[in-house]
All heavy atoms as atom14 arrays in JSON, in Angstrom:
{
  "sequence": "GHKIDDEFFTYQAILKAEKVVVFDESLYWYRMRKSGVMLSGTQ",
  "atom14_mask": [
    [1, 1, 1, 1, 0, 0, 0, 0, 0, 0, 0, 0, 0, 0],
    [1, 1, 1, 1, 1, 1, 1, 1, 1, 1, 0, 0, 0, 0],
    [1, 1, 1, 1, 1, 1, 1, 1, 1, 0, 0, 0, 0, 0],
    [1, 1, 1, 1, 1, 1, 1, 1, 0, 0, 0, 0, 0, 0],
    [1, 1, 1, 1, 1, 1, 1, 1, 0, 0, 0, 0, 0, 0],
    [1, 1, 1, 1, 1, 1, 1, 1, 0, 0, 0, 0, 0, 0],
    [1, 1, 1, 1, 1, 1, 1, 1, 1, 0, 0, 0, 0, 0],
    [1, 1, 1, 1, 1, 1, 1, 1, 1, 1, 1, 0, 0, 0],
    [1, 1, 1, 1, 1, 1, 1, 1, 1, 1, 1, 0, 0, 0],
    [1, 1, 1, 1, 1, 1, 1, 0, 0, 0, 0, 0, 0, 0],
    [1, 1, 1, 1, 1, 1, 1, 1, 1, 1, 1, 1, 0, 0],
    [1, 1, 1, 1, 1, 1, 1, 1, 1, 0, 0, 0, 0, 0],
    [1, 1, 1, 1, 1, 0, 0, 0, 0, 0, 0, 0, 0, 0],
    [1, 1, 1, 1, 1, 1, 1, 1, 0, 0, 0, 0, 0, 0],
    [1, 1, 1, 1, 1, 1, 1, 1, 0, 0, 0, 0, 0, 0],
    [1, 1, 1, 1, 1, 1, 1, 1, 1, 0, 0, 0, 0, 0],
    [1, 1, 1, 1, 1, 0, 0, 0, 0, 0, 0, 0, 0, 0],
    [1, 1, 1, 1, 1, 1, 1, 1, 1, 0, 0, 0, 0, 0],
    [1, 1, 1, 1, 1, 1, 1, 1, 1, 0, 0, 0, 0, 0],
    [1, 1, 1, 1, 1, 1, 1, 0, 0, 0, 0, 0, 0, 0],
    [1, 1, 1, 1, 1, 1, 1, 0, 0, 0, 0, 0, 0, 0],
    [1, 1, 1, 1, 1, 1, 1, 0, 0, 0, 0, 0, 0, 0],
    [1, 1, 1, 1, 1, 1, 1, 1, 1, 1, 1, 0, 0, 0],
    [1, 1, 1, 1, 1, 1, 1, 1, 0, 0, 0, 0, 0, 0],
    [1, 1, 1, 1, 1, 1, 1, 1, 1, 0, 0, 0, 0, 0],
    [1, 1, 1, 1, 1, 1, 0, 0, 0, 0, 0, 0, 0, 0],
    [1, 1, 1, 1, 1, 1, 1, 1, 0, 0, 0, 0, 0, 0],
    [1, 1, 1, 1, 1, 1, 1, 1, 1, 1, 1, 1, 0, 0],
    [1, 1, 1, 1, 1, 1, 1, 1, 1, 1, 1, 1, 1, 1],
    [1, 1, 1, 1, 1, 1, 1, 1, 1, 1, 1, 1, 0, 0],
    [1, 1, 1, 1, 1, 1, 1, 1, 1, 1, 1, 0, 0, 0],
    [1, 1, 1, 1, 1, 1, 1, 1, 0, 0, 0, 0, 0, 0],
    [1, 1, 1, 1, 1, 1, 1, 1, 1, 1, 1, 0, 0, 0],
    [1, 1, 1, 1, 1, 1, 1, 1, 1, 0, 0, 0, 0, 0],
    [1, 1, 1, 1, 1, 1, 0, 0, 0, 0, 0, 0, 0, 0],
    [1, 1, 1, 1, 0, 0, 0, 0, 0, 0, 0, 0, 0, 0],
    [1, 1, 1, 1, 1, 1, 1, 0, 0, 0, 0, 0, 0, 0],
    [1, 1, 1, 1, 1, 1, 1, 1, 0, 0, 0, 0, 0, 0],
    [1, 1, 1, 1, 1, 1, 1, 1, 0, 0, 0, 0, 0, 0],
    [1, 1, 1, 1, 1, 1, 0, 0, 0, 0, 0, 0, 0, 0],
    [1, 1, 1, 1, 0, 0, 0, 0, 0, 0, 0, 0, 0, 0],
    [1, 1, 1, 1, 1, 1, 1, 0, 0, 0, 0, 0, 0, 0],
    [1, 1, 1, 1, 1, 1, 1, 1, 1, 0, 0, 0, 0, 0]
  ],
  "atom14_positions": [
    [[-41.86, 28.69, -15.36], [-40.91, 28.98, -14.29], [-39.45, 28.96, -14.72], [-38.55, 28.85, -13.88], [0.0, 0.0, 0.0], [0.0, 0.0, 0.0], [0.0, 0.0, 0.0], [0.0, 0.0, 0.0], [0.0, 0.0, 0.0], [0.0, 0.0, 0.0], [0.0, 0.0, 0.0], [0.0, 0.0, 0.0], [0.0, 0.0, 0.0], [0.0, 0.0, 0.0]],
    [[-39.2, 29.02, -16.03], [-37.82, 29.01, -16.54], [-37.5, 30.32, -17.25], [-38.4, 31.02, -17.71], [-37.62, 27.86, -17.52], [-37.82, 26.5, -16.92], [-36.97, 25.98, -15.98], [-38.78, 25.57, -17.13], [-37.4, 24.77, -15.63], [-38.5, 24.5, -16.32], [0.0, 0.0, 0.0], [0.0, 0.0, 0.0], [0.0, 0.0, 0.0], [0.0, 0.0, 0.0]],
    [[-36.21, 30.61, -17.37], [-35.76, 31.75, -18.18], [-35.77, 31.38, -19.66], [-35.84, 32.23, -20.53], [-34.34, 32.18, -17.78], [-34.27, 32.87, -16.43], [-34.77, 34.29, -16.5], [-34.63, 34.99, -15.17], [-35.42, 36.23, -15.12], [0.0, 0.0, 0.0], [0.0, 0.0, 0.0], [0.0, 0.0, 0.0], [0.0, 0.0, 0.0], [0.0, 0.0, 0.0]],
    [[-35.61, 30.08, -19.94], [-35.64, 29.62, -21.33], [-36.9, 28.78, -21.53], [-37.24, 27.96, -20.68], [-34.36, 28.82, -21.72], [-34.09, 27.68, -20.72], [-33.17, 29.74, -21.8], [-32.9, 26.82, -21.07], [0.0, 0.0, 0.0], [0.0, 0.0, 0.0], [0.0, 0.0, 0.0], [0.0, 0.0, 0.0], [0.0, 0.0, 0.0], [0.0, 0.0, 0.0]],
    [[-37.59, 29.01, -22.63], [-38.84, 28.29, -22.89], [-38.7, 27.29, -24.04], [-39.12, 26.14, -23.94], [-39.96, 29.27, -23.25], [-40.35, 30.15, -22.08], [-40.25, 29.7, -20.92], [-40.73, 31.31, -22.33], [0.0, 0.0, 0.0], [0.0, 0.0, 0.0], [0.0, 0.0, 0.0], [0.0, 0.0, 0.0], [0.0, 0.0, 0.0], [0.0, 0.0, 0.0]],
    [[-38.1, 27.75, -25.13], [-38.07, 26.96, -26.37], [-37.5, 25.57, -26.14], [-38.03, 24.57, -26.62], [-37.2, 27.66, -27.44], [-37.65, 29.06, -27.76], [-38.35, 29.67, -26.94], [-37.29, 29.56, -28.84], [0.0, 0.0, 0.0], [0.0, 0.0, 0.0], [0.0, 0.0, 0.0], [0.0, 0.0, 0.0], [0.0, 0.0, 0.0], [0.0, 0.0, 0.0]],
    [[-36.38, 25.5, -25.42], [-35.64, 24.24, -25.3], [-36.44, 23.15, -24.61], [-36.25, 21.98, -24.88], [-34.32, 24.47, -24.54], [-33.27, 25.21, -25.35], [-33.3, 26.72, -25.12], [-34.39, 27.24, -24.79], [-32.25, 27.37, -25.27], [0.0, 0.0, 0.0], [0.0, 0.0, 0.0], [0.0, 0.0, 0.0], [0.0, 0.0, 0.0], [0.0, 0.0, 0.0]],
    [[-37.32, 23.54, -23.69], [-38.12, 22.54, -22.98], [-39.29, 22.04, -23.83], [-39.96, 21.08, -23.46], [-38.67, 23.13, -21.67], [-37.65, 23.26, -20.58], [-36.92, 24.43, -20.43], [-37.41, 22.22, -19.7], [-35.97, 24.56, -19.43], [-36.46, 22.33, -18.69], [-35.74, 23.51, -18.55], [0.0, 0.0, 0.0], [0.0, 0.0, 0.0], [0.0, 0.0, 0.0]],
    [[-39.53, 22.69, -24.95], [-40.73, 22.43, -25.75], [-40.42, 21.75, -27.08], [-40.99, 20.71, -27.41], [-41.44, 23.77, -26.0], [-42.69, 23.68, -26.81], [-43.92, 23.44, -26.2], [-42.67, 23.85, -28.19], [-45.09, 23.37, -26.94], [-43.83, 23.78, -28.94], [-45.04, 23.54, -28.31], [0.0, 0.0, 0.0], [0.0, 0.0, 0.0], [0.0, 0.0, 0.0]],
    [[-39.5, 22.34, -27.84], [-39.35, 21.96, -29.24], [-38.97, 20.5, -29.43], [-39.55, 19.81, -30.28], [-38.29, 22.86, -29.92], [-38.54, 24.21, -29.56], [-38.35, 22.73, -31.43], [0.0, 0.0, 0.0], [0.0, 0.0, 0.0], [0.0, 0.0, 0.0], [0.0, 0.0, 0.0], [0.0, 0.0, 0.0], [0.0, 0.0, 0.0], [0.0, 0.0, 0.0]],
    [[-38.03, 20.0, -28.64], [-37.58, 18.62, -28.88], [-38.72, 17.63, -28.63], [-38.78, 16.57, -29.27], [-36.34, 18.28, -28.03], [-36.61, 18.05, -26.56], [-36.9, 16.77, -26.07], [-36.56, 19.1, -25.64], [-37.14, 16.55, -24.72], [-36.81, 18.89, -24.29], [-37.1, 17.62, -23.84], [-37.35, 17.41, -22.51], [0.0, 0.0, 0.0], [0.0, 0.0, 0.0]],
    [[-39.66, 17.98, -27.71], [-40.77, 17.07, -27.44], [-41.7, 16.98, -28.65], [-42.23, 15.91, -28.97], [-41.54, 17.54, -26.21], [-40.74, 17.46, -24.93], [-41.59, 17.76, -23.71], [-42.61, 17.1, -23.48], [-41.2, 18.74, -22.94], [0.0, 0.0, 0.0], [0.0, 0.0, 0.0], [0.0, 0.0, 0.0], [0.0, 0.0, 0.0], [0.0, 0.0, 0.0]],
    [[-41.91, 18.12, -29.32], [-42.73, 18.12, -30.54], [-42.04, 17.33, -31.64], [-42.68, 16.56, -32.38], [-43.0, 19.55, -30.99], [0.0, 0.0, 0.0], [0.0, 0.0, 0.0], [0.0, 0.0, 0.0], [0.0, 0.0, 0.0], [0.0, 0.0, 0.0], [0.0, 0.0, 0.0], [0.0, 0.0, 0.0], [0.0, 0.0, 0.0], [0.0, 0.0, 0.0]],
    [[-40.72, 17.51, -31.77], [-39.97, 16.79, -32.81], [-40.04, 15.28, -32.57], [-40.16, 14.49, -33.51], [-38.48, 17.25, -32.85], [-38.37, 18.76, -33.12], [-37.69, 16.44, -33.87], [-38.86, 19.22, -34.47], [0.0, 0.0, 0.0], [0.0, 0.0, 0.0], [0.0, 0.0, 0.0], [0.0, 0.0, 0.0], [0.0, 0.0, 0.0], [0.0, 0.0, 0.0]],
    [[-39.99, 14.86, -31.31], [-40.08, 13.43, -30.98], [-41.41, 12.83, -31.43], [-41.5, 11.63, -31.68], [-39.89, 13.2, -29.47], [-38.45, 13.29, -28.94], [-38.45, 13.26, -27.42], [-37.57, 12.18, -29.5], [0.0, 0.0, 0.0], [0.0, 0.0, 0.0], [0.0, 0.0, 0.0], [0.0, 0.0, 0.0], [0.0, 0.0, 0.0], [0.0, 0.0, 0.0]],
    [[-42.46, 13.67, -31.53], [-43.77, 13.17, -31.93], [-43.98, 13.25, -33.45], [-44.99, 12.79, -33.96], [-44.87, 13.97, -31.21], [-44.82, 13.8, -29.7], [-45.97, 14.49, -29.01], [-47.19, 13.62, -29.06], [-48.03, 13.68, -27.88], [0.0, 0.0, 0.0], [0.0, 0.0, 0.0], [0.0, 0.0, 0.0], [0.0, 0.0, 0.0], [0.0, 0.0, 0.0]],
    [[-43.03, 13.87, -34.15], [-43.14, 14.01, -35.61], [-42.52, 12.79, -36.29], [-41.83, 11.99, -35.67], [-42.41, 15.27, -36.06], [0.0, 0.0, 0.0], [0.0, 0.0, 0.0], [0.0, 0.0, 0.0], [0.0, 0.0, 0.0], [0.0, 0.0, 0.0], [0.0, 0.0, 0.0], [0.0, 0.0, 0.0], [0.0, 0.0, 0.0], [0.0, 0.0, 0.0]],
    [[-42.79, 12.66, -37.59], [-42.11, 11.64, -38.38], [-41.12, 12.29, -39.35], [-40.05, 11.76, -39.59], [-43.13, 10.8, -39.16], [-43.89, 9.85, -38.25], [-44.79, 8.91, -39.01], [-44.52, 8.66, -40.21], [-45.76, 8.42, -38.41], [0.0, 0.0, 0.0], [0.0, 0.0, 0.0], [0.0, 0.0, 0.0], [0.0, 0.0, 0.0], [0.0, 0.0, 0.0]],
    [[-41.51, 13.46, -39.87], [-40.64, 14.13, -40.85], [-40.54, 15.62, -40.54], [-41.54, 16.26, -40.23], [-41.18, 13.93, -42.27], [-40.22, 14.41, -43.36], [-40.9, 14.51, -44.72], [-41.16, 13.15, -45.33], [-41.67, 13.32, -46.74], [0.0, 0.0, 0.0], [0.0, 0.0, 0.0], [0.0, 0.0, 0.0], [0.0, 0.0, 0.0], [0.0, 0.0, 0.0]],
    [[-39.32, 16.16, -40.64], [-39.06, 17.58, -40.44], [-38.42, 18.11, -41.72], [-37.48, 17.51, -42.24], [-38.1, 17.83, -39.25], [-37.82, 19.31, -39.07], [-38.67, 17.23, -37.97], [0.0, 0.0, 0.0], [0.0, 0.0, 0.0], [0.0, 0.0, 0.0], [0.0, 0.0, 0.0], [0.0, 0.0, 0.0], [0.0, 0.0, 0.0], [0.0, 0.0, 0.0]],
    [[-38.93, 19.22, -42.24], [-38.37, 19.81, -43.46], [-37.74, 21.16, -43.12], [-38.35, 21.98, -42.43], [-39.46, 20.0, -44.53], [-38.92, 20.78, -45.72], [-39.97, 18.65, -44.98], [0.0, 0.0, 0.0], [0.0, 0.0, 0.0], [0.0, 0.0, 0.0], [0.0, 0.0, 0.0], [0.0, 0.0, 0.0], [0.0, 0.0, 0.0], [0.0, 0.0, 0.0]],
    [[-36.51, 21.36, -43.58], [-35.79, 22.62, -43.37], [-35.58, 23.28, -44.72], [-35.27, 22.59, -45.7], [-34.42, 22.36, -42.69], [-33.65, 23.66, -42.51], [-34.61, 21.66, -41.34], [0.0, 0.0, 0.0], [0.0, 0.0, 0.0], [0.0, 0.0, 0.0], [0.0, 0.0, 0.0], [0.0, 0.0, 0.0], [0.0, 0.0, 0.0], [0.0, 0.0, 0.0]],
    [[-35.78, 24.6, -44.8], [-35.4, 25.28, -46.05], [-34.7, 26.6, -45.75], [-34.94, 27.25, -44.75], [-36.6, 25.46, -47.0], [-37.71, 26.32, -46.52], [-37.81, 27.66, -46.89], [-38.71, 25.8, -45.7], [-38.86, 28.45, -46.46], [-39.77, 26.59, -45.27], [-39.83, 27.92, -45.65], [0.0, 0.0, 0.0], [0.0, 0.0, 0.0], [0.0, 0.0, 0.0]],
    [[-33.79, 26.92, -46.65], [-32.89, 28.05, -46.43], [-33.45, 29.33, -47.03], [-33.0, 29.82, -48.06], [-31.51, 27.75, -47.02], [-30.51, 28.88, -46.73], [-30.8, 29.68, -45.83], [-29.48, 28.94, -47.4], [0.0, 0.0, 0.0], [0.0, 0.0, 0.0], [0.0, 0.0, 0.0], [0.0, 0.0, 0.0], [0.0, 0.0, 0.0], [0.0, 0.0, 0.0]],
    [[-34.49, 29.85, -46.39], [-35.03, 31.15, -46.78], [-35.36, 31.91, -45.5], [-36.08, 31.4, -44.65], [-36.28, 30.99, -47.66], [-36.72, 32.29, -48.27], [-37.83, 32.11, -49.31], [-38.04, 30.98, -49.8], [-38.5, 33.12, -49.62], [0.0, 0.0, 0.0], [0.0, 0.0, 0.0], [0.0, 0.0, 0.0], [0.0, 0.0, 0.0], [0.0, 0.0, 0.0]],
    [[-34.81, 33.11, -45.35], [-34.98, 33.87, -44.11], [-36.34, 34.59, -44.12], [-36.49, 35.63, -44.75], [-33.86, 34.91, -43.96], [-32.62, 34.26, -43.81], [0.0, 0.0, 0.0], [0.0, 0.0, 0.0], [0.0, 0.0, 0.0], [0.0, 0.0, 0.0], [0.0, 0.0, 0.0], [0.0, 0.0, 0.0], [0.0, 0.0, 0.0], [0.0, 0.0, 0.0]],
    [[-37.28, 34.02, -43.41], [-38.65, 34.56, -43.39], [-38.98, 35.23, -42.05], [-40.04, 35.86, -41.93], [-39.66, 33.44, -43.64], [-39.51, 32.68, -44.97], [-40.48, 31.52, -45.04], [-39.72, 33.63, -46.15], [0.0, 0.0, 0.0], [0.0, 0.0, 0.0], [0.0, 0.0, 0.0], [0.0, 0.0, 0.0], [0.0, 0.0, 0.0], [0.0, 0.0, 0.0]],
    [[-38.1, 35.1, -41.08], [-38.36, 35.63, -39.73], [-37.26, 36.61, -39.36], [-36.08, 36.33, -39.58], [-38.4, 34.47, -38.73], [-38.96, 34.84, -37.37], [-40.29, 34.58, -37.04], [-38.17, 35.47, -36.4], [-40.82, 34.93, -35.8], [-38.69, 35.83, -35.17], [-40.01, 35.55, -34.87], [-40.52, 35.91, -33.64], [0.0, 0.0, 0.0], [0.0, 0.0, 0.0]],
    [[-37.64, 37.75, -38.8], [-36.67, 38.75, -38.33], [-36.64, 38.72, -36.82], [-37.61, 39.13, -36.16], [-37.09, 40.15, -38.81], [-37.0, 40.37, -40.3], [-37.64, 39.67, -41.27], [-36.24, 41.38, -40.96], [-37.32, 40.18, -42.51], [-36.46, 41.23, -42.35], [-35.39, 42.4, -40.52], [-35.88, 42.05, -43.3], [-34.8, 43.23, -41.46], [-35.04, 43.05, -42.84]],
    [[-35.55, 38.24, -36.26], [-35.4, 38.14, -34.81], [-34.68, 39.39, -34.3], [-33.51, 39.6, -34.6], [-34.63, 36.88, -34.43], [-34.44, 36.74, -32.94], [-35.49, 36.32, -32.13], [-33.22, 37.06, -32.33], [-35.34, 36.21, -30.75], [-33.07, 36.96, -30.96], [-34.13, 36.53, -30.18], [-33.97, 36.43, -28.82], [0.0, 0.0, 0.0], [0.0, 0.0, 0.0]],
    [[-35.4, 40.21, -33.54], [-34.84, 41.47, -33.07], [-33.83, 41.21, -31.95], [-34.16, 40.6, -30.92], [-35.95, 42.38, -32.55], [-35.49, 43.82, -32.29], [-36.59, 44.64, -31.62], [-37.8, 44.77, -32.42], [-38.02, 45.77, -33.29], [-37.1, 46.7, -33.48], [-39.15, 45.83, -33.97], [0.0, 0.0, 0.0], [0.0, 0.0, 0.0], [0.0, 0.0, 0.0]],
    [[-32.6, 41.66, -32.15], [-31.54, 41.46, -31.16], [-31.63, 42.56, -30.11], [-31.3, 43.72, -30.37], [-30.17, 41.48, -31.84], [-30.01, 40.44, -32.94], [-30.14, 38.74, -32.36], [-28.6, 38.58, -31.45], [0.0, 0.0, 0.0], [0.0, 0.0, 0.0], [0.0, 0.0, 0.0], [0.0, 0.0, 0.0], [0.0, 0.0, 0.0], [0.0, 0.0, 0.0]],
    [[-32.11, 42.17, -28.92], [-32.27, 43.15, -27.83], [-31.26, 42.88, -26.73], [-30.74, 41.78, -26.62], [-33.7, 43.06, -27.28], [-34.75, 43.46, -28.3], [-36.15, 43.31, -27.76], [-36.39, 44.24, -26.65], [-37.48, 44.21, -25.89], [-38.42, 43.3, -26.11], [-37.63, 45.08, -24.91], [0.0, 0.0, 0.0], [0.0, 0.0, 0.0], [0.0, 0.0, 0.0]],
    [[-31.02, 43.9, -25.92], [-30.13, 43.73, -24.78], [-30.74, 42.68, -23.86], [-31.84, 42.85, -23.37], [-29.95, 45.06, -24.04], [-29.15, 46.07, -24.84], [-28.97, 47.36, -24.07], [-28.14, 48.35, -24.91], [-28.0, 49.65, -24.25], [0.0, 0.0, 0.0], [0.0, 0.0, 0.0], [0.0, 0.0, 0.0], [0.0, 0.0, 0.0], [0.0, 0.0, 0.0]],
    [[-30.02, 41.61, -23.68], [-30.59, 40.47, -22.96], [-30.48, 40.64, -21.46], [-29.8, 41.52, -20.95], [-29.86, 39.19, -23.36], [-28.55, 39.23, -22.84], [0.0, 0.0, 0.0], [0.0, 0.0, 0.0], [0.0, 0.0, 0.0], [0.0, 0.0, 0.0], [0.0, 0.0, 0.0], [0.0, 0.0, 0.0], [0.0, 0.0, 0.0], [0.0, 0.0, 0.0]],
    [[-31.15, 39.72, -20.75], [-31.07, 39.73, -19.29], [-29.65, 39.52, -18.8], [-29.29, 39.98, -17.73], [0.0, 0.0, 0.0], [0.0, 0.0, 0.0], [0.0, 0.0, 0.0], [0.0, 0.0, 0.0], [0.0, 0.0, 0.0], [0.0, 0.0, 0.0], [0.0, 0.0, 0.0], [0.0, 0.0, 0.0], [0.0, 0.0, 0.0], [0.0, 0.0, 0.0]],
    [[-28.83, 38.8, -19.57], [-27.43, 38.6, -19.18], [-26.75, 39.95, -19.04], [-26.02, 40.21, -18.09], [-26.68, 37.76, -20.24], [-25.19, 37.77, -19.98], [-27.18, 36.32, -20.22], [0.0, 0.0, 0.0], [0.0, 0.0, 0.0], [0.0, 0.0, 0.0], [0.0, 0.0, 0.0], [0.0, 0.0, 0.0], [0.0, 0.0, 0.0], [0.0, 0.0, 0.0]],
    [[-27.03, 40.84, -19.98], [-26.39, 42.15, -19.96], [-26.96, 43.02, -18.83], [-26.27, 43.89, -18.31], [-26.62, 42.85, -21.3], [-25.95, 42.14, -22.45], [-26.56, 42.74, -24.0], [-25.77, 41.6, -25.13], [0.0, 0.0, 0.0], [0.0, 0.0, 0.0], [0.0, 0.0, 0.0], [0.0, 0.0, 0.0], [0.0, 0.0, 0.0], [0.0, 0.0, 0.0]],
    [[-28.22, 42.77, -18.5], [-28.88, 43.65, -17.54], [-28.75, 43.18, -16.1], [-28.78, 43.97, -15.18], [-30.37, 43.77, -17.9], [-30.66, 44.36, -19.28], [-32.15, 44.35, -19.56], [-30.13, 45.79, -19.4], [0.0, 0.0, 0.0], [0.0, 0.0, 0.0], [0.0, 0.0, 0.0], [0.0, 0.0, 0.0], [0.0, 0.0, 0.0], [0.0, 0.0, 0.0]],
    [[-28.62, 41.86, -15.9], [-28.61, 41.4, -14.51], [-27.54, 40.37, -14.19], [-27.63, 39.68, -13.18], [-30.0, 40.88, -14.13], [-30.48, 39.96, -15.07], [0.0, 0.0, 0.0], [0.0, 0.0, 0.0], [0.0, 0.0, 0.0], [0.0, 0.0, 0.0], [0.0, 0.0, 0.0], [0.0, 0.0, 0.0], [0.0, 0.0, 0.0], [0.0, 0.0, 0.0]],
    [[-26.56, 40.24, -15.05], [-25.33, 39.51, -14.75], [-25.48, 38.15, -14.09], [-26.17, 37.28, -14.58], [0.0, 0.0, 0.0], [0.0, 0.0, 0.0], [0.0, 0.0, 0.0], [0.0, 0.0, 0.0], [0.0, 0.0, 0.0], [0.0, 0.0, 0.0], [0.0, 0.0, 0.0], [0.0, 0.0, 0.0], [0.0, 0.0, 0.0], [0.0, 0.0, 0.0]],
    [[-24.84, 37.98, -12.94], [-24.67, 36.68, -12.3], [-25.99, 36.0, -11.97], [-26.15, 34.8, -12.18], [-23.84, 36.83, -11.01], [-22.63, 37.5, -11.34], [-23.51, 35.47, -10.43], [0.0, 0.0, 0.0], [0.0, 0.0, 0.0], [0.0, 0.0, 0.0], [0.0, 0.0, 0.0], [0.0, 0.0, 0.0], [0.0, 0.0, 0.0], [0.0, 0.0, 0.0]],
    [[-26.95, 36.75, -11.46], [-28.23, 36.15, -11.07], [-28.92, 35.52, -12.28], [-29.42, 34.4, -12.22], [-29.12, 37.23, -10.44], [-30.44, 36.67, -9.93], [-31.4, 37.77, -9.47], [-31.02, 38.93, -9.4], [-32.62, 37.39, -9.16], [0.0, 0.0, 0.0], [0.0, 0.0, 0.0], [0.0, 0.0, 0.0], [0.0, 0.0, 0.0], [0.0, 0.0, 0.0]]
  ]
}
């Protein structure tokens, strides 16, 4: 029931982890699309 999903989920998983590893290699291509902000403004 939210417009945003990731934020309600990820931190809860991190709280259950002990170790998080980050590495600087771009393996994912995030397609930049016209967002709902651009399409439906104030609402």
